[in-house]
Amino acid sequence: MSATATSYDPIRKLLETATQQIEKNELREAAETLNRAQQMWPNDARVFMLAGLMAEKSGNIPAAFDALRRSVALDPLWTPGELQLALLYARRGMYDKAIAHAQKLTKREPNNALVLAHLVDFAHDSGNMELAISELRRGLTYLPKDVQMRRWLANDLQVTGQHAEAYDVWTSLIEENPQDQMALLGRVTTLIEGGKASAAIPDTTSLIEIDPGNSIYAYYSAIAHGVTPDHQPPELNRRMFDSMAETYDQHMVRGLGYQLPKIVAEKILRRFPTKSMNVLDLGCGSGLLGVCLGRIDGFLIGVDISTKMVEQAGRHGVYDRFHTVNMLDALRETPAEVYEIITALDVFIYTGDLKATVPNAHRILMPAGDLYFSCEIAPENGPDLVLQPNGRYAHKRSHVLALCKEAGFEDVQIEDLVLRREAGEPVNGFLVVAHKAA
């Protein structure tokens, strides 16, 4: 079972039983089983590794760290013990330590594919794309045909703007398997992001032939043909944000300097200092606005297409209810005059056209209610709605102002600001506060 086991292994059965008990959440029974194992073999690293996993499952994180560190100390050359310690650090968001332990293991076992995969995961979760790419290149030196590693590498190259090399890796995958939908879609998005949308037409055609009813493929086909879709498919948003959920807060706030929830919460609390209000948080994501508002004297309702984002938001304990639905459907189906406040922060950059959204928001606001939303800014000398190469929509300031006025908002304030920073560069946009008449 491990490097600590010998041909004579009197506790193997006990360890297997304890593992099953932990998986079934039978923690009291697992503790008793591990105690019996430790009495028989007091200094077995496996016992302490399982004790660490059991402690984590019970919510005793300090005990989990203590047990896993003891496991490593007892058998410093046993890879499973140190890998579990690295994974615990990662699950607690301590990525520097997780990476350090994983890198130590890769030096000892450079061809261990499991350790490599976890190290790449840690690099991704911490936003260290340079490390992820470096490790994937290393892994491909001993597993050159590994499809998953090549997909990861192509995606990471694409994310970091290395479009030419990403294109080459996607192409090599497609040459081996022309039906590889992930590779075909990867090459499509690489071409679009690189400003070569029309070159993606053959691949979008292939994708639609493989799956004719796929709304994501239809969306990218429209872009390849020079058409700006009014909205992104909900399935695309769900897939993207589900994959980001666990690290979203750290990535946005620490990595990109995202301060919009804090700014808007401060404005709301100045307007409602007693917190007596009902709030609809559209595209609530991981609940950053709720964290900044705290508990309110009213209902705080979150709407998001991503189940995993909603799970993260629920952990803060400030939202009263969630609706995991398409935001546009939620707005259309909500009765009139329900909320004092509606927010949509960093949301319309994914939903696109606002012609129905703004009037519906006006309808469901209480008299004297406020709508807060942000947009990335499009040039005033261009179209009202622009789909940027990065896949996000930008809106023309004057068009948004006109939409708010047409919807019936009495007063509309628009504030230019930097929404966040990407690759060290500011992402320029604006915050709208639209006030409904009393």
Foldseek 3Di string as FASTA:
>chain_A
DWPQDDPDHPLPVLLVVLVVCVVVVVLVVSVVSLVVNCVVPVLALSSLQSVLSSCVSVVNNVSNLVSLVSSCVSPVPIPVSLLSNLVSCVLVVNLVVSLVSLVVVCVVVVQDVVSLVVNLVSCVLLVVLVVNLVSLVSNCVVVVPDPVSLLVNLVSCLVVPVLVVSLVSLVVVCVVPVLPLSSLVSNQLSCLLVVNLLVSQVSLVSNCVVPVVDQQSVCSNCVNVVHHDQAHDLVVVQVVLLVCQSRVVCCFCVVWVACVLLVVLVVVCVVVVQLQWAEEEEQCFLPSNQLNNDAGNYAYEYEALYPSRVVNNVVVVRHPYYDNDDSLVVLVPAAFADTQEYEYEPHCQRTHHCLSPLLSVLGRHHAFHKYKYKFQEDDPVDDQWDQHSVRTIGGHPVVVVVSLVVSQFPDKDKAWDFRTHDPNHTRIIIMIITTHHD
